[in-house]
Amino acid sequence: MLRRIEFGDYDLIVTFLTLTKGKISVIAKSAKKSTKRFGGILELFSVLDVVCSNSRGKGLPVLREAILKYPFPNIRSKIIKIAYASYWAELINQWMEKGQRQVQLFHLFRHVLRELDLNNTPEAALSILFQIRFLTIAGLIPNLKRCSICQAEMEKMKETRIKFDLSKGGIICSECATGVLQKIFLSKGTIKHLLWIQKGDLTRAVRIRFAPQALMESLEFLEAFVPYHLGKEPRSLKFLRQIRE
């Protein structure tokens, strides 16, 4: 469940990321009034089995049945977990078109929510994993292997901290960095971490350990790169930054 907004006195409009239908929005009639039909289960980030009626072009489909599968209650017990999960959900909601099936994204989101609920992996590390994999699925993966101008390989660059140019979507070597306005720097160690997480096994990727510098650099970079290329800064990101501070 990605989003819920109140509609009138008793109804809710709920947006789901589904396995078979992609992103869908439905109306839950009397969801705020009746405890029998959906009492306590229409919670953000939960995984449900749902049955909806066909709208037949006359407004939103109606949510008829909902069975709670994975509630992930620990996420809603800490404000920092809510902040991270809200950011991920908003990225998905902003990027996806309705009815666009995204099986990889469904499994990725469910995986990071489960890890966030279990508390086995730091929230910030999970956010790095989610964002880099999300970018890969969205076709927006940053160029971290070669200079975006001269194509020099990252491994052969002499500098230990490499500048990243948001407008070009990639790293820039020191010889080509003249006039680059953005001040985002990534150490070679951080870049190697990101490249491994991008393609490594998802289960193993959540176990990766970040040094404090790599964690800070990765978050700063991804939380600048993702909104830049989506064309909008999510409101949930502002909230997340306030909570972290």
C-alpha atoms as a PDB file:
ATOM      1  CA  MET A   1       0.000   0.000   0.000  1.00  0.00           C
ATOM      2  CA  LEU A   2       1.634   3.206  -1.250  1.00  0.00           C
ATOM      3  CA  ARG A   3      -0.786   5.953  -0.316  1.00  0.00           C
ATOM      4  CA  ARG A   4      -4.131   6.702   1.335  1.00  0.00           C
ATOM      5  CA  ILE A   5      -6.084   9.916   1.310  1.00  0.00           C
ATOM      6  CA  GLU A   6      -9.417  10.799   2.868  1.00  0.00           C
ATOM      7  CA  PHE A   7     -12.321  11.262   0.492  1.00  0.00           C
ATOM      8  CA  GLY A   8     -15.457  12.767   1.938  1.00  0.00           C
ATOM      9  CA  ASP A   9     -16.564  11.918   5.446  1.00  0.00           C
ATOM     10  CA  TYR A  10     -16.239   8.153   5.340  1.00  0.00           C
ATOM     11  CA  ASP A  11     -14.298   6.964   2.290  1.00  0.00           C
ATOM     12  CA  LEU A  12     -10.624   6.479   1.513  1.00  0.00           C
ATOM     13  CA  ILE A  13      -8.796   6.555  -1.810  1.00  0.00           C
ATOM     14  CA  VAL A  14      -6.032   3.987  -1.607  1.00  0.00           C
ATOM     15  CA  THR A  15      -3.119   3.452  -4.005  1.00  0.00           C
ATOM     16  CA  PHE A  16      -1.499   0.037  -4.259  1.00  0.00           C
ATOM     17  CA  LEU A  17       1.569  -1.302  -6.010  1.00  0.00           C
ATOM     18  CA  THR A  18       0.312  -4.672  -7.218  1.00  0.00           C
ATOM     19  CA  LEU A  19       2.132  -7.682  -8.571  1.00  0.00           C
ATOM     20  CA  THR A  20      -0.130  -8.235 -11.583  1.00  0.00           C
ATOM     21  CA  LYS A  21      -1.715  -4.857 -12.376  1.00  0.00           C
ATOM     22  CA  GLY A  22       1.040  -2.375 -11.516  1.00  0.00           C
ATOM     23  CA  LYS A  23      -0.068   0.772  -9.716  1.00  0.00           C
ATOM     24  CA  ILE A  24      -3.791   1.063  -9.067  1.00  0.00           C
ATOM     25  CA  SER A  25      -5.960   3.484  -7.099  1.00  0.00           C
ATOM     26  CA  VAL A  26      -9.259   2.325  -5.604  1.00  0.00           C
ATOM     27  CA  ILE A  27     -11.947   3.770  -3.383  1.00  0.00           C
ATOM     28  CA  ALA A  28     -12.688   2.075  -0.064  1.00  0.00           C
ATOM     29  CA  LYS A  29     -16.306   2.930   0.692  1.00  0.00           C
ATOM     30  CA  SER A  30     -17.113   3.706   4.339  1.00  0.00           C
ATOM     31  CA  ALA A  31     -13.594   2.583   5.325  1.00  0.00           C
ATOM     32  CA  LYS A  32     -13.410   5.207   8.076  1.00  0.00           C
ATOM     33  CA  LYS A  33     -16.841   4.343   9.466  1.00  0.00           C
ATOM     34  CA  SER A  34     -17.117   0.560   9.275  1.00  0.00           C
ATOM     35  CA  THR A  35     -14.803  -1.598  11.392  1.00  0.00           C
ATOM     36  CA  LYS A  36     -16.177  -4.836   9.973  1.00  0.00           C
ATOM     37  CA  ARG A  37     -15.006  -4.491   6.386  1.00  0.00           C
ATOM     38  CA  PHE A  38     -11.481  -3.048   6.610  1.00  0.00           C
ATOM     39  CA  GLY A  39     -10.975  -2.435  10.317  1.00  0.00           C
ATOM     40  CA  GLY A  40      -7.310  -1.655  10.982  1.00  0.00           C
ATOM     41  CA  ILE A  41      -5.842  -3.277   7.870  1.00  0.00           C
ATOM     42  CA  LEU A  42      -5.638  -0.397   5.401  1.00  0.00           C
ATOM     43  CA  GLU A  43      -2.298   0.765   6.756  1.00  0.00           C
ATOM     44  CA  LEU A  44       0.537   2.204   4.724  1.00  0.00           C
ATOM     45  CA  PHE A  45       3.273  -0.218   3.639  1.00  0.00           C
ATOM     46  CA  SER A  46       1.211  -3.332   4.491  1.00  0.00           C
ATOM     47  CA  VAL A  47       0.927  -6.159   1.953  1.00  0.00           C
ATOM     48  CA  LEU A  48      -2.636  -7.295   1.269  1.00  0.00           C
ATOM     49  CA  ASP A  49      -4.656  -9.544  -1.002  1.00  0.00           C
ATOM     50  CA  VAL A  50      -7.386  -7.349  -2.459  1.00  0.00           C
ATOM     51  CA  VAL A  51     -10.492  -7.760  -4.587  1.00  0.00           C
ATOM     52  CA  CYS A  52     -11.781  -4.743  -6.521  1.00  0.00           C
ATOM     53  CA  SER A  53     -14.789  -4.187  -8.745  1.00  0.00           C
ATOM     54  CA  ASN A  54     -14.365  -3.046 -12.341  1.00  0.00           C
ATOM     55  CA  SER A  55     -14.988   0.688 -12.648  1.00  0.00           C
ATOM     56  CA  ARG A  56     -16.150   0.385 -16.312  1.00  0.00           C
ATOM     57  CA  GLY A  57     -14.996   3.920 -16.930  1.00  0.00           C
ATOM     58  CA  LYS A  58     -17.209   5.399 -14.208  1.00  0.00           C
ATOM     59  CA  GLY A  59     -14.654   6.507 -11.681  1.00  0.00           C
ATOM     60  CA  LEU A  60     -12.317   4.502  -9.497  1.00  0.00           C
ATOM     61  CA  PRO A  61     -12.682   0.769  -8.919  1.00  0.00           C
ATOM     62  CA  VAL A  62     -14.261  -0.066  -5.551  1.00  0.00           C
ATOM     63  CA  LEU A  63     -12.313  -2.065  -2.977  1.00  0.00           C
ATOM     64  CA  ARG A  64     -14.554  -5.013  -2.103  1.00  0.00           C
ATOM     65  CA  GLU A  65     -12.330  -7.256   0.005  1.00  0.00           C
ATOM     66  CA  ALA A  66      -8.925  -6.970   1.646  1.00  0.00           C
ATOM     67  CA  ILE A  67      -6.988  -9.638   3.528  1.00  0.00           C
ATOM     68  CA  LEU A  68      -3.885  -8.613   5.456  1.00  0.00           C
ATOM     69  CA  LYS A  69      -0.840 -10.726   4.541  1.00  0.00           C
ATOM     70  CA  TYR A  70       2.177  -8.874   5.943  1.00  0.00           C
ATOM     71  CA  PRO A  71       1.438  -5.935   8.260  1.00  0.00           C
ATOM     72  CA  PHE A  72       5.072  -4.936   8.967  1.00  0.00           C
ATOM     73  CA  PRO A  73       3.999  -3.359  12.290  1.00  0.00           C
ATOM     74  CA  ASN A  74       7.515  -2.416  13.424  1.00  0.00           C
ATOM     75  CA  ILE A  75       7.805   0.103  10.593  1.00  0.00           C
ATOM     76  CA  ARG A  76       5.014   2.192  12.096  1.00  0.00           C
ATOM     77  CA  SER A  77       6.554   2.018  15.579  1.00  0.00           C
ATOM     78  CA  LYS A  78       9.450   4.388  14.788  1.00  0.00           C
ATOM     79  CA  ILE A  79       9.260   7.737  13.068  1.00  0.00           C
ATOM     80  CA  ILE A  80      12.558   7.242  11.215  1.00  0.00           C
ATOM     81  CA  LYS A  81      11.287   3.995   9.687  1.00  0.00           C
ATOM     82  CA  ILE A  82       8.049   5.692   8.638  1.00  0.00           C
ATOM     83  CA  ALA A  83      10.080   8.503   7.066  1.00  0.00           C
ATOM     84  CA  TYR A  84      12.220   6.165   4.964  1.00  0.00           C
ATOM     85  CA  ALA A  85       9.306   3.946   3.893  1.00  0.00           C
ATOM     86  CA  SER A  86       7.282   7.044   2.967  1.00  0.00           C
ATOM     87  CA  TYR A  87      10.131   8.298   0.788  1.00  0.00           C
ATOM     88  CA  TRP A  88      10.394   5.002  -1.078  1.00  0.00           C
ATOM     89  CA  ALA A  89       6.627   4.805  -1.534  1.00  0.00           C
ATOM     90  CA  GLU A  90       6.470   8.353  -2.885  1.00  0.00           C
ATOM     91  CA  LEU A  91       9.256   7.652  -5.384  1.00  0.00           C
ATOM     92  CA  ILE A  92       7.321   4.677  -6.710  1.00  0.00           C
ATOM     93  CA  ASN A  93       4.069   6.605  -6.828  1.00  0.00           C
ATOM     94  CA  GLN A  94       5.646   9.547  -8.649  1.00  0.00           C
ATOM     95  CA  TRP A  95       7.499   7.473 -11.233  1.00  0.00           C
ATOM     96  CA  MET A  96       4.966   4.769 -12.105  1.00  0.00           C
ATOM     97  CA  GLU A  97       2.098   5.195 -14.528  1.00  0.00           C
ATOM     98  CA  LYS A  98      -1.181   3.521 -13.616  1.00  0.00           C
ATOM     99  CA  GLY A  99      -1.488  -0.017 -14.888  1.00  0.00           C
ATOM    100  CA  GLN A 100       2.233  -0.315 -15.652  1.00  0.00           C
ATOM    101  CA  ARG A 101       3.304  -3.737 -14.392  1.00  0.00           C
ATOM    102  CA  GLN A 102       6.629  -3.715 -12.538  1.00  0.00           C
ATOM    103  CA  VAL A 103       7.346  -7.117 -11.005  1.00  0.00           C
ATOM    104  CA  GLN A 104      10.961  -6.296 -10.109  1.00  0.00           C
ATOM    105  CA  LEU A 105       9.925  -3.126  -8.319  1.00  0.00           C
ATOM    106  CA  PHE A 106       7.176  -4.942  -6.425  1.00  0.00           C
ATOM    107  CA  HIS A 107       9.640  -7.516  -5.099  1.00  0.00           C
ATOM    108  CA  LEU A 108      12.256  -4.856  -4.329  1.00  0.00           C
ATOM    109  CA  PHE A 109       9.813  -2.746  -2.319  1.00  0.00           C
ATOM    110  CA  ARG A 110       8.479  -5.719  -0.402  1.00  0.00           C
ATOM    111  CA  HIS A 111      12.031  -6.879   0.319  1.00  0.00           C
ATOM    112  CA  VAL A 112      13.231  -3.580   1.789  1.00  0.00           C
ATOM    113  CA  LEU A 113      10.006  -3.194   3.789  1.00  0.00           C
ATOM    114  CA  ARG A 114      10.526  -6.635   5.294  1.00  0.00           C
ATOM    115  CA  GLU A 115      14.135  -5.824   6.196  1.00  0.00           C
ATOM    116  CA  LEU A 116      13.047  -2.488   7.651  1.00  0.00           C
ATOM    117  CA  ASP A 117      10.467  -4.279   9.776  1.00  0.00           C
ATOM    118  CA  LEU A 118      12.936  -6.935  10.982  1.00  0.00           C
ATOM    119  CA  ASN A 119      15.476  -4.267  11.980  1.00  0.00           C
ATOM    120  CA  ASN A 120      18.415  -6.348  10.741  1.00  0.00           C
ATOM    121  CA  THR A 121      19.835  -3.638   8.477  1.00  0.00           C
ATOM    122  CA  PRO A 122      20.303   0.093   9.203  1.00  0.00           C
ATOM    123  CA  GLU A 123      17.578   2.227   7.669  1.00  0.00           C
ATOM    124  CA  ALA A 124      20.048   4.400   5.757  1.00  0.00           C
ATOM    125  CA  ALA A 125      21.750   1.368   4.180  1.00  0.00           C
ATOM    126  CA  LEU A 126      18.367   0.012   3.078  1.00  0.00           C
ATOM    127  CA  SER A 127      17.564   3.366   1.506  1.00  0.00           C
ATOM    128  CA  ILE A 128      20.795   3.274  -0.492  1.00  0.00           C
ATOM    129  CA  LEU A 129      19.950  -0.226  -1.687  1.00  0.00           C
ATOM    130  CA  PHE A 130      16.401   0.728  -2.632  1.00  0.00           C
ATOM    131  CA  GLN A 131      17.374   3.892  -4.490  1.00  0.00           C
ATOM    132  CA  ILE A 132      20.171   2.375  -6.565  1.00  0.00           C
ATOM    133  CA  ARG A 133      17.979  -0.594  -7.534  1.00  0.00           C
ATOM    134  CA  PHE A 134      15.023   1.703  -8.207  1.00  0.00           C
ATOM    135  CA  LEU A 135      17.182   3.772 -10.564  1.00  0.00           C
ATOM    136  CA  THR A 136      18.234   0.614 -12.398  1.00  0.00           C
ATOM    137  CA  ILE A 137      14.615  -0.475 -12.876  1.00  0.00           C
ATOM    138  CA  ALA A 138      13.610   3.036 -13.956  1.00  0.00           C
ATOM    139  CA  GLY A 139      16.381   3.200 -16.569  1.00  0.00           C
ATOM    140  CA  LEU A 140      18.023   6.133 -14.769  1.00  0.00           C
ATOM    141  CA  ILE A 141      21.141   4.410 -13.506  1.00  0.00           C
ATOM    142  CA  PRO A 142      24.004   6.870 -12.933  1.00  0.00           C
ATOM    143  CA  ASN A 143      27.261   6.454 -14.823  1.00  0.00           C
ATOM    144  CA  LEU A 144      29.806   5.547 -12.164  1.00  0.00           C
ATOM    145  CA  LYS A 145      32.333   3.658 -14.294  1.00  0.00           C
ATOM    146  CA  ARG A 146      33.717   6.245 -16.724  1.00  0.00           C
ATOM    147  CA  CYS A 147      34.123   9.985 -17.030  1.00  0.00           C
ATOM    148  CA  SER A 148      30.978  11.283 -18.728  1.00  0.00           C
ATOM    149  CA  ILE A 149      33.074  13.533 -20.992  1.00  0.00           C
ATOM    150  CA  CYS A 150      36.360  11.835 -21.920  1.00  0.00           C
ATOM    151  CA  GLN A 151      35.349   8.252 -21.015  1.00  0.00           C
ATOM    152  CA  ALA A 152      38.363   7.722 -18.752  1.00  0.00           C
ATOM    153  CA  GLU A 153      37.820   4.701 -16.511  1.00  0.00           C
ATOM    154  CA  MET A 154      37.061   5.413 -12.867  1.00  0.00           C
ATOM    155  CA  GLU A 155      39.690   2.905 -11.740  1.00  0.00           C
ATOM    156  CA  LYS A 156      42.408   4.802 -13.630  1.00  0.00           C
ATOM    157  CA  MET A 157      41.544   8.247 -12.289  1.00  0.00           C
ATOM    158  CA  LYS A 158      44.256   9.602 -10.019  1.00  0.00           C
ATOM    159  CA  GLU A 159      41.968  11.446  -7.602  1.00  0.00           C
ATOM    160  CA  THR A 160      40.534   9.521  -4.637  1.00  0.00           C
ATOM    161  CA  ARG A 161      37.365  11.649  -4.486  1.00  0.00           C
ATOM    162  CA  ILE A 162      35.596  12.062  -7.819  1.00  0.00           C
ATOM    163  CA  LYS A 163      33.117  14.768  -8.767  1.00  0.00           C
ATOM    164  CA  PHE A 164      29.660  13.807  -9.974  1.00  0.00           C
ATOM    165  CA  ASP A 165      27.770  16.038 -12.430  1.00  0.00           C
ATOM    166  CA  LEU A 166      23.993  15.750 -12.002  1.00  0.00           C
ATOM    167  CA  SER A 167      23.250  17.305 -15.386  1.00  0.00           C
ATOM    168  CA  LYS A 168      25.401  14.740 -17.202  1.00  0.00           C
ATOM    169  CA  GLY A 169      24.286  11.865 -15.010  1.00  0.00           C
ATOM    170  CA  GLY A 170      27.796  10.641 -14.301  1.00  0.00           C
ATOM    171  CA  ILE A 171      31.212  11.075 -12.789  1.00  0.00           C
ATOM    172  CA  ILE A 172      33.673  13.627 -14.167  1.00  0.00           C
ATOM    173  CA  CYS A 173      37.452  13.302 -13.990  1.00  0.00           C
ATOM    174  CA  SER A 174      39.508  16.188 -12.635  1.00  0.00           C
ATOM    175  CA  GLU A 175      40.708  17.187 -16.109  1.00  0.00           C
ATOM    176  CA  CYS A 176      37.112  17.558 -17.366  1.00  0.00           C
ATOM    177  CA  ALA A 177      35.598  19.034 -14.203  1.00  0.00           C
ATOM    178  CA  THR A 178      36.177  22.695 -15.065  1.00  0.00           C
ATOM    179  CA  GLY A 179      32.921  24.614 -14.829  1.00  0.00           C
ATOM    180  CA  VAL A 180      30.921  21.799 -13.185  1.00  0.00           C
ATOM    181  CA  LEU A 181      28.609  23.564 -10.746  1.00  0.00           C
ATOM    182  CA  GLN A 182      27.303  20.716  -8.615  1.00  0.00           C
ATOM    183  CA  LYS A 183      29.474  19.927  -5.627  1.00  0.00           C
ATOM    184  CA  ILE A 184      28.871  16.228  -5.133  1.00  0.00           C
ATOM    185  CA  PHE A 185      31.931  14.116  -4.480  1.00  0.00           C
ATOM    186  CA  LEU A 186      32.203  10.347  -4.204  1.00  0.00           C
ATOM    187  CA  SER A 187      35.229   8.422  -3.001  1.00  0.00           C
ATOM    188  CA  LYS A 188      36.312   5.463  -5.074  1.00  0.00           C
ATOM    189  CA  GLY A 189      35.364   3.152  -2.210  1.00  0.00           C
ATOM    190  CA  THR A 190      31.825   4.532  -2.159  1.00  0.00           C
ATOM    191  CA  ILE A 191      31.506   4.142  -5.930  1.00  0.00           C
ATOM    192  CA  LYS A 192      32.599   0.498  -5.707  1.00  0.00           C
ATOM    193  CA  HIS A 193      29.985  -0.118  -3.006  1.00  0.00           C
ATOM    194  CA  LEU A 194      27.263   1.380  -5.190  1.00  0.00           C
ATOM    195  CA  LEU A 195      28.307  -0.585  -8.257  1.00  0.00           C
ATOM    196  CA  TRP A 196      28.231  -3.844  -6.303  1.00  0.00           C
ATOM    197  CA  ILE A 197      24.810  -3.113  -4.794  1.00  0.00           C
ATOM    198  CA  GLN A 198      23.473  -2.248  -8.239  1.00  0.00           C
ATOM    199  CA  LYS A 199      24.054  -5.754  -9.594  1.00  0.00           C
ATOM    200  CA  GLY A 200      24.711  -7.991  -6.587  1.00  0.00           C
ATOM    201  CA  ASP A 201      22.252 -10.515  -5.197  1.00  0.00           C
ATOM    202  CA  LEU A 202      19.462  -8.686  -3.366  1.00  0.00           C
ATOM    203  CA  THR A 203      19.597 -10.905  -0.279  1.00  0.00           C
ATOM    204  CA  ARG A 204      23.355 -10.451   0.030  1.00  0.00           C
ATOM    205  CA  ALA A 205      23.187  -6.765  -0.791  1.00  0.00           C
ATOM    206  CA  VAL A 206      21.201  -5.946   2.361  1.00  0.00           C
ATOM    207  CA  ARG A 207      24.070  -7.371   4.441  1.00  0.00           C
ATOM    208  CA  ILE A 208      26.670  -4.982   3.068  1.00  0.00           C
ATOM    209  CA  ARG A 209      28.369  -2.800   5.673  1.00  0.00           C
ATOM    210  CA  PHE A 210      28.963   0.880   4.973  1.00  0.00           C
ATOM    211  CA  ALA A 211      31.702   2.912   6.610  1.00  0.00           C
ATOM    212  CA  PRO A 212      30.333   6.214   7.971  1.00  0.00           C
ATOM    213  CA  GLN A 213      31.872   8.222   5.114  1.00  0.00           C
ATOM    214  CA  ALA A 214      30.496   5.896   2.432  1.00  0.00           C
ATOM    215  CA  LEU A 215      27.057   5.975   4.052  1.00  0.00           C
ATOM    216  CA  MET A 216      26.995   9.774   4.165  1.00  0.00           C
ATOM    217  CA  GLU A 217      28.331  10.186   0.623  1.00  0.00           C
ATOM    218  CA  SER A 218      25.884   7.647  -0.823  1.00  0.00           C
ATOM    219  CA  LEU A 219      22.843   9.209   0.831  1.00  0.00           C
ATOM    220  CA  GLU A 220      23.823  12.742  -0.191  1.00  0.00           C
ATOM    221  CA  PHE A 221      24.449  11.631  -3.760  1.00  0.00           C
ATOM    222  CA  LEU A 222      21.311   9.510  -4.249  1.00  0.00           C
ATOM    223  CA  GLU A 223      18.986  11.962  -2.522  1.00  0.00           C
ATOM    224  CA  ALA A 224      20.216  14.620  -4.962  1.00  0.00           C
ATOM    225  CA  PHE A 225      20.353  12.438  -8.081  1.00  0.00           C
ATOM    226  CA  VAL A 226      16.938  10.759  -7.771  1.00  0.00           C
ATOM    227  CA  PRO A 227      14.831  13.954  -7.416  1.00  0.00           C
ATOM    228  CA  TYR A 228      16.902  15.726 -10.092  1.00  0.00           C
ATOM    229  CA  HIS A 229      16.117  13.085 -12.697  1.00  0.00           C
ATOM    230  CA  LEU A 230      12.517  12.612 -11.609  1.00  0.00           C
ATOM    231  CA  GLY A 231      12.069  16.373 -11.977  1.00  0.00           C
ATOM    232  CA  LYS A 232      10.602  16.884  -8.529  1.00  0.00           C
ATOM    233  CA  GLU A 233      11.723  16.685  -4.916  1.00  0.00           C
ATOM    234  CA  PRO A 234       9.373  14.443  -2.929  1.00  0.00           C
ATOM    235  CA  ARG A 235       7.779  16.051   0.106  1.00  0.00           C
ATOM    236  CA  SER A 236       8.650  12.938   2.095  1.00  0.00           C
ATOM    237  CA  LEU A 237      12.357  13.581   1.450  1.00  0.00           C
ATOM    238  CA  LYS A 238      12.145  16.944   3.193  1.00  0.00           C
ATOM    239  CA  PHE A 239      10.472  15.233   6.149  1.00  0.00           C
ATOM    240  CA  LEU A 240      13.124  12.496   6.180  1.00  0.00           C
ATOM    241  CA  ARG A 241      15.950  15.033   6.284  1.00  0.00           C
ATOM    242  CA  GLN A 242      14.303  16.859   9.177  1.00  0.00           C
ATOM    243  CA  ILE A 243      13.974  13.613  11.146  1.00  0.00           C
ATOM    244  CA  ARG A 244      17.601  12.651  10.536  1.00  0.00           C
ATOM    245  CA  GLU A 245      18.824  16.058  11.682  1.00  0.00           C
END
